[in-house]
Protein backbone atom coordinates (compact mmCIF):
# COMPACT_ATOMS: atom_id res chain seq x y z
CA MET A 1 10.94 -15.84 -14.83
CA PRO A 2 8.74 -13.06 -12.74
CA ARG A 3 5.12 -13.22 -13.80
CA ASP A 4 3.77 -10.58 -15.87
CA ILE A 5 0.68 -8.95 -13.59
CA ARG A 6 -2.07 -7.57 -15.56
CA PHE A 7 -4.88 -5.40 -14.69
CA HIS A 8 -8.37 -6.24 -15.15
CA ASN A 9 -11.47 -3.81 -15.52
CA ARG A 10 -14.08 -6.27 -14.87
CA PRO A 11 -17.23 -6.64 -12.57
CA LEU A 12 -17.13 -7.72 -9.19
CA LEU A 13 -19.48 -10.55 -9.68
CA ASP A 14 -17.17 -11.68 -12.65
CA GLY A 15 -14.01 -11.85 -10.43
CA LEU A 16 -16.19 -13.80 -7.76
CA ILE A 17 -17.00 -16.41 -9.82
CA GLU A 18 -13.91 -16.84 -11.28
CA ILE A 19 -12.38 -17.41 -7.65
CA TYR A 20 -15.16 -19.78 -6.86
CA LEU A 21 -14.41 -21.95 -9.97
CA SER A 22 -10.69 -21.94 -8.84
CA SER A 23 -10.95 -23.09 -5.67
CA ARG A 24 -14.50 -23.83 -4.38
CA LEU A 25 -13.70 -24.65 -0.58
CA ARG A 26 -11.44 -21.57 -0.22
CA ALA A 27 -13.85 -19.23 -2.18
CA VAL A 28 -16.85 -20.13 0.22
CA LEU A 29 -14.56 -19.64 3.36
CA SER A 30 -13.31 -16.51 1.89
CA PHE A 31 -16.84 -15.42 1.15
CA ILE A 32 -18.20 -16.46 4.58
CA LEU A 33 -15.35 -14.10 6.17
CA ILE A 34 -15.96 -11.29 3.89
CA LEU A 35 -19.53 -11.54 4.74
CA PHE A 36 -19.09 -11.60 8.35
CA ILE A 37 -16.89 -8.51 8.21
CA SER A 38 -19.24 -6.42 6.25
CA SER A 39 -22.22 -7.31 8.14
CA VAL A 40 -20.83 -6.39 11.69
CA ILE A 41 -21.53 -2.76 11.35
CA PRO A 42 -25.09 -2.85 9.70
CA LEU A 43 -26.06 -5.49 12.21
CA SER A 44 -24.64 -3.06 15.05
CA ILE A 45 -26.79 -0.25 13.71
CA ILE A 46 -29.86 -2.49 13.41
CA TRP A 47 -29.35 -3.66 17.30
CA LEU A 48 -29.00 -0.07 18.42
CA VAL A 49 -32.28 0.93 16.50
CA GLN A 50 -34.33 -1.85 18.10
CA VAL A 51 -32.81 -1.34 21.40
CA VAL A 52 -33.50 2.49 21.68
CA PHE A 53 -36.29 3.13 19.24
CA LEU A 54 -38.39 -0.21 18.83
CA ASP A 55 -40.62 -2.42 21.12
CA ILE A 56 -40.13 -5.12 18.76
CA SER A 57 -37.05 -7.62 18.40
CA ILE A 58 -35.59 -7.51 14.86
CA ILE A 59 -32.67 -9.53 16.02
CA PRO A 60 -34.36 -11.71 18.84
CA ILE A 61 -32.07 -12.77 21.80
CA SER A 62 -33.67 -13.62 25.14
CA SER A 63 -30.40 -13.82 27.43
CA LYS A 64 -30.14 -10.71 29.32
CA TYR A 65 -26.34 -11.13 29.46
CA LEU A 66 -26.10 -11.27 25.70
CA LYS A 67 -28.30 -8.08 25.46
CA VAL A 68 -25.98 -5.98 27.54
CA PHE A 69 -22.65 -7.74 25.45
CA PHE A 70 -24.38 -6.89 22.26
CA THR A 71 -25.19 -3.37 23.27
CA ILE A 72 -21.98 -2.50 24.66
CA TRP A 73 -20.19 -3.97 21.34
CA SER A 74 -22.65 -2.09 19.03
CA LEU A 75 -21.93 1.40 20.58
CA ALA A 76 -18.30 0.68 20.12
CA GLU A 77 -18.64 -0.51 16.52
CA VAL A 78 -20.97 2.81 15.80
CA GLY A 79 -18.48 4.90 17.74
CA PHE A 80 -15.63 3.40 15.88
CA LEU A 81 -17.42 4.18 12.61
CA ILE A 82 -17.71 7.75 13.58
CA TYR A 83 -14.24 7.81 14.39
CA GLN A 84 -13.27 6.45 11.06
CA SER A 85 -15.46 8.85 9.00
CA TYR A 86 -13.80 11.70 11.06
CA LEU A 87 -10.12 10.45 10.08
CA TYR A 88 -11.78 10.09 6.46
CA SER A 89 -12.94 13.87 6.35
CA ILE A 90 -9.42 14.91 7.25
CA ILE A 91 -7.70 12.87 4.97
CA GLN A 92 -9.56 14.15 1.84
CA ARG A 93 -8.96 17.79 3.09
CA CYS A 94 -5.09 17.22 3.47
CA PRO A 95 -2.87 18.40 0.38
CA THR A 96 -0.68 15.80 -1.31
CA SER A 97 2.79 16.33 0.13
CA ILE A 98 4.92 17.16 -3.37
CA PRO A 99 8.30 16.29 -3.31
CA GLN A 100 10.38 19.53 -3.89
CA LEU A 101 13.00 19.09 -6.84
CA THR A 102 15.27 21.33 -8.38
CA GLU A 103 14.78 21.63 -12.13
CA THR A 104 18.41 19.81 -12.67
CA GLU A 105 16.84 17.00 -10.51
CA ARG A 106 13.83 16.59 -12.18
CA GLU A 107 15.62 16.66 -15.72
CA LYS A 108 17.94 13.84 -14.33
CA ILE A 109 14.64 11.84 -13.41
CA ILE A 110 13.16 12.32 -16.79
CA SER A 111 16.30 11.37 -18.51
CA LYS A 112 16.67 8.09 -16.64
CA SER A 113 13.07 7.27 -17.09
CA LEU A 114 13.06 7.57 -20.77
CA SER A 115 16.39 5.79 -21.37
CA ASN A 116 15.00 2.86 -19.06
CA MET A 117 11.87 2.64 -21.26
CA LYS A 118 13.15 -0.53 -23.06
CA ASP A 119 9.50 -1.08 -24.35
CA PRO A 120 7.84 2.04 -24.02
CA ARG A 121 4.33 0.83 -25.59
CA HIS A 122 4.52 -1.70 -22.76
CA THR A 123 5.09 0.63 -20.28
CA LEU A 124 2.75 3.10 -21.04
CA SER A 125 0.21 0.20 -21.35
CA LYS A 126 0.57 -0.69 -17.72
CA TRP A 127 0.43 2.77 -16.63
CA PHE A 128 -2.80 3.43 -18.68
CA LEU A 129 -4.44 0.08 -17.12
CA GLU A 130 -3.75 -2.44 -20.07
CA HIS A 131 -4.68 0.28 -22.86
CA PRO A 132 -2.84 -0.27 -25.86
CA SER A 133 -0.61 2.52 -26.59
CA ASP A 134 -2.22 3.48 -29.97
CA GLN A 135 -5.29 4.13 -28.13
CA ILE A 136 -3.58 6.79 -25.47
CA ASP A 137 -4.45 10.16 -26.67
CA ARG A 138 -2.19 13.08 -26.41
CA GLN A 139 -4.14 14.82 -23.61
CA SER A 140 -4.26 11.81 -21.33
CA LEU A 141 -0.69 11.29 -21.74
CA VAL A 142 -0.01 15.21 -20.52
CA GLY A 143 -2.13 14.15 -17.63
CA TRP A 144 -0.03 11.19 -16.85
CA LEU A 145 3.22 12.98 -17.41
CA ALA A 146 2.24 15.70 -15.19
CA PHE A 147 1.37 13.28 -12.56
CA ALA A 148 4.58 11.31 -12.99
CA PHE A 149 7.20 14.19 -12.88
CA TYR A 150 5.29 17.35 -11.38
CA SER A 151 3.04 15.35 -8.92
CA SER A 152 0.31 17.83 -10.34
CA LYS A 153 -2.78 18.04 -12.25
CA VAL A 154 -2.47 19.51 -16.08
CA ASP A 155 -4.50 22.69 -14.89
CA GLN A 156 -1.79 23.28 -11.75
CA LEU A 157 1.27 23.33 -14.33
CA THR A 158 2.92 26.49 -15.55
CA ALA A 159 3.20 27.56 -18.85
CA ARG A 160 6.95 26.39 -18.94
CA GLU A 161 6.33 23.02 -17.38
CA HIS A 162 3.33 22.38 -20.04
CA GLU A 163 5.94 23.18 -22.78
CA ARG A 164 8.22 20.73 -21.34
CA LEU A 165 5.73 17.90 -21.35
CA GLU A 166 4.90 18.60 -25.05
CA GLN A 167 8.74 18.32 -25.81
CA ILE A 168 8.70 14.84 -23.90
CA ILE A 169 6.05 13.72 -25.87
CA GLU A 170 7.55 14.54 -29.05
CA GLN A 171 10.82 13.21 -27.83
CA ILE A 172 8.87 9.59 -27.17
CA GLU A 173 7.13 10.13 -30.86
CA ASN A 174 10.63 10.35 -32.73
CA GLU A 175 12.68 7.93 -30.80
CA TYR A 176 9.88 5.02 -30.64
CA GLU A 177 8.09 5.83 -33.65
CA ILE A 178 4.77 6.21 -31.50
CA THR A 179 1.96 8.59 -32.30
CA PHE A 180 -0.32 9.98 -29.95
CA PRO A 181 -3.80 11.12 -31.47
CA THR A 182 -5.50 14.52 -30.31
CA MET A 183 -8.55 13.62 -28.29
CA SER A 184 -11.67 14.73 -30.04
CA PHE A 185 -14.91 15.86 -28.30
CA ARG A 186 -16.58 12.49 -29.06
CA THR A 187 -13.74 10.38 -27.20
CA LYS A 188 -13.12 9.98 -23.65
CA SER A 189 -9.86 10.38 -21.81
CA VAL A 190 -7.80 7.27 -20.72
CA ASN A 191 -7.61 6.43 -17.27
CA TYR A 192 -4.12 5.98 -15.76
CA MET A 193 -2.54 5.21 -12.20
CA LYS A 194 -2.22 8.46 -10.21
CA HIS A 195 -2.30 7.26 -6.50
CA ILE A 196 -0.97 10.49 -5.00
CA LEU A 197 -3.69 12.49 -6.86
CA ASP A 198 -6.63 10.10 -7.00
CA PRO A 199 -8.92 10.69 -3.98
CA VAL A 200 -8.88 8.27 -0.93
CA ARG A 201 -10.95 5.18 -1.41
CA ILE A 202 -11.74 3.83 2.23
CA ILE A 203 -13.73 0.70 3.26
CA PHE A 204 -15.07 1.13 6.76
CA ARG A 205 -13.85 -2.10 8.78
CA PRO A 206 -15.31 -2.92 11.95
CA LEU A 207 -13.41 -2.61 15.21
CA VAL A 208 -13.40 -6.50 15.50
CA PHE A 209 -11.51 -6.63 12.32
CA TYR A 210 -8.52 -4.40 13.74
CA ILE A 211 -8.98 -6.45 17.29
CA VAL A 212 -8.03 -9.57 15.12
CA THR A 213 -5.56 -8.24 12.72
CA ASP A 214 -3.63 -5.47 14.81
CA THR A 215 -4.10 -7.01 18.49
CA LEU A 216 -4.06 -10.52 18.15
CA LEU A 217 -2.09 -11.15 15.09
CA ASN A 218 0.50 -8.50 14.69
CA SER A 219 0.56 -7.14 18.41
CA ILE A 220 0.69 -10.31 20.39
CA LEU A 221 1.24 -13.26 18.11
CA ALA A 222 3.89 -11.95 15.73
CA ARG A 223 5.58 -10.10 18.64
CA SER A 224 5.64 -13.41 20.58
CA ILE A 225 7.30 -15.15 17.91
CA PHE A 226 9.98 -12.72 17.26
CA HIS A 227 10.97 -12.50 20.65
CA TRP A 228 11.22 -16.23 20.62
CA GLN A 229 13.66 -16.02 17.74
CA ASN A 230 15.53 -13.31 19.88
CA TYR A 231 14.96 -10.31 17.49
CA GLU A 232 14.90 -7.05 19.01
CA PHE A 233 12.55 -4.46 18.32
CA VAL A 234 13.68 -1.29 17.16
CA GLN A 235 12.45 2.30 16.24
CA ILE A 236 14.74 4.71 14.42
CA GLY A 237 13.39 8.01 13.14
CA SER A 238 9.90 7.16 11.70
CA LEU A 239 10.48 3.68 11.04
CA SER A 240 10.00 0.61 13.73
CA PHE A 241 11.34 -2.99 12.74
CA TRP A 242 12.55 -6.08 14.16
CA THR A 243 16.12 -7.01 13.56
CA TYR A 244 18.64 -9.75 14.45
CA ARG A 245 22.39 -10.29 14.22
CA ASN A 246 24.42 -13.23 15.32
CA PRO A 247 25.95 -12.19 18.75
CA ASN A 248 29.22 -14.52 17.58
CA LEU A 249 29.64 -12.68 14.30
CA ASN A 250 32.71 -10.87 13.74
CA SER A 251 32.18 -7.21 12.10
CA HIS A 252 34.96 -8.15 9.55
CA ASP A 253 33.23 -11.35 8.56
CA GLU A 254 29.91 -9.72 8.22
CA ASP A 255 28.25 -9.77 4.64
CA ASP A 256 25.55 -7.18 3.51
CA PRO A 257 22.52 -7.14 5.54
CA ILE A 258 19.02 -8.08 4.27
CA ILE A 259 16.18 -5.33 4.77
CA PHE A 260 12.48 -6.60 4.28
CA PHE A 261 9.94 -3.95 3.94
CA HIS A 262 6.59 -4.62 4.05
CA GLY A 263 3.34 -2.70 3.79
CA ILE A 264 -0.09 -3.84 2.76
CA GLY A 265 -1.53 -6.82 4.78
CA ALA A 266 -2.03 -8.16 8.44
CA GLY A 267 1.74 -7.40 9.42
CA LEU A 268 4.78 -9.53 9.34
CA LEU A 269 3.15 -12.53 10.80
CA MET A 270 2.07 -13.55 7.22
CA TYR A 271 5.82 -13.76 6.04
CA GLN A 272 6.76 -16.32 8.96
CA PRO A 273 7.74 -19.15 6.46
CA PHE A 274 9.61 -16.86 4.26
CA PHE A 275 11.60 -15.21 7.49
CA ALA A 276 12.43 -18.74 8.50
CA ARG A 277 14.31 -19.68 5.63
CA ILE A 278 16.05 -16.37 5.43
CA HIS A 279 17.13 -16.73 8.97
CA GLN A 280 18.07 -20.14 8.66
CA GLN A 281 20.16 -19.53 5.24
CA PHE A 282 21.77 -16.13 5.98
CA SER A 283 21.40 -15.06 9.73
CA HIS A 284 24.93 -16.76 10.63
CA ARG A 285 26.64 -13.80 8.43
CA ARG A 286 24.03 -11.15 7.81
CA ARG A 287 22.27 -8.90 9.90
CA ILE A 288 18.43 -9.22 9.25
CA ILE A 289 16.00 -6.39 9.25
CA LEU A 290 12.30 -6.72 8.98
CA ILE A 291 10.41 -3.15 8.46
CA SER A 292 6.76 -3.14 8.44
CA MET A 293 5.22 0.24 7.28
CA ARG A 294 2.26 0.30 9.50
CA CYS A 295 0.58 3.37 8.21
CA ILE A 296 -0.28 1.24 5.33
CA SER A 297 -1.11 -1.89 6.88
CA MET A 298 -4.23 -3.51 8.55
CA ARG A 299 -3.90 -1.53 11.90
CA TYR A 300 -6.16 1.03 13.80
CA PRO A 301 -6.68 3.94 11.91
CA SER A 302 -4.64 6.86 12.72
CA LEU A 303 -3.12 10.21 11.37
CA ASN A 304 -0.39 10.93 13.98
CA ASP A 305 2.25 8.54 12.93
CA ILE A 306 2.19 8.53 8.97
CA PRO A 307 5.57 9.51 7.60
CA ASN A 308 5.70 11.42 4.40
CA MET A 309 8.33 10.20 1.81
CA PRO A 310 11.54 12.51 2.89
CA GLU A 311 10.87 11.17 6.52
CA THR A 312 11.00 7.81 5.44
CA VAL A 313 14.30 8.08 3.35
CA SER A 314 15.65 10.02 6.11
CA SER A 315 14.77 7.29 8.51
CA ILE A 316 16.49 4.86 6.33
CA LYS A 317 19.73 6.77 6.11
CA LEU A 318 19.42 6.84 9.76
CA ILE A 319 19.41 3.05 9.99
CA PHE A 320 22.43 2.76 7.83
CA GLU A 321 24.41 5.07 10.04
CA HIS A 322 23.43 3.67 13.32
CA TYR A 323 24.31 -0.04 12.30
CA ARG A 324 27.23 1.50 9.99
CA MET A 325 25.95 -0.11 7.12
CA LYS A 326 27.21 0.98 3.31
CA LYS A 327 24.95 -1.21 1.45
CA ALA A 328 22.04 -3.51 1.67
CA ILE A 329 19.95 -6.16 -0.24
CA PHE A 330 16.41 -4.95 -0.05
CA ILE A 331 13.42 -7.21 -0.33
CA GLY A 332 9.90 -6.09 -0.85
CA HIS A 333 7.30 -8.73 -1.97
CA ARG A 334 8.51 -9.34 -5.56
CA PHE A 335 11.23 -7.37 -6.05
CA VAL A 336 14.99 -7.70 -4.73
CA PHE A 337 17.62 -5.33 -5.53
CA ASN A 338 20.96 -3.89 -4.23
CA ILE A 339 20.85 -0.25 -2.82
CA TYR A 340 23.90 1.88 -1.97
CA CYS A 341 24.41 4.58 0.22
């Protein structure tokens, strides 16, 4: 039975205390790691300030070689911070790539979405960050529908599009007996998830963080493990992945392939125990494809190789054509489903 994931709007300190009470040793180790990662950039700036501008030593180190090492490292960290800030400014200026849909295609999506809402109160509560459905006002719902079906803000909609959203709200109210009150000047709008419209929130991580995650864990250790397991590294379209197929497998006896999609995290290395079970149980009759969406993983910041939605879908189609697959079993973190092409 899948566990229902809840959203919690609470202070950071309360969350940290809850983690500490659940497992004190792991919490302390995690806090130490977070403290180290968070302190690298400030300490680098302090070190360069004392080396360049001050005669006193805020961070006293007597060894000449260590001073040279920390100076070079601090220069690299500050330079990397400036580079990340530059990328951040570009990201904020870039408009979101909105999917181009015909009116017929959009109406099909709206119809399927409404028909698949078995419990609309629960669905809306999830999208509105656990707010009860009876607390969702009409204006906030219009904003969410504009995001969900037009990838736009309310003030960017045409009069016809705005009228269509009002029709959808009336349909939901009539079919499911829900009333969405009109927001008064005293009430505030209810926040909802709108990931492609919200501004990008970035935590500037130090260079040493990416050296560990992208270089040591992903590029060296993970690659070594996959090569040892006879996996092949392939790039088709905008997607790069590791794949394995039993060389003794006859194409007539081959079952549907397994495709694993990974995004947020430190790369495919974190899933090695899971991959080992899949490989042991299914690799003799199925091709295994392990796709990592590096553009949202813990890798070195870059804007040159971030595929948009059409490019990603096109790459998946190319993978199916390249390996002559008609259908596959897709796995992604906590969902498994069959997809047919």
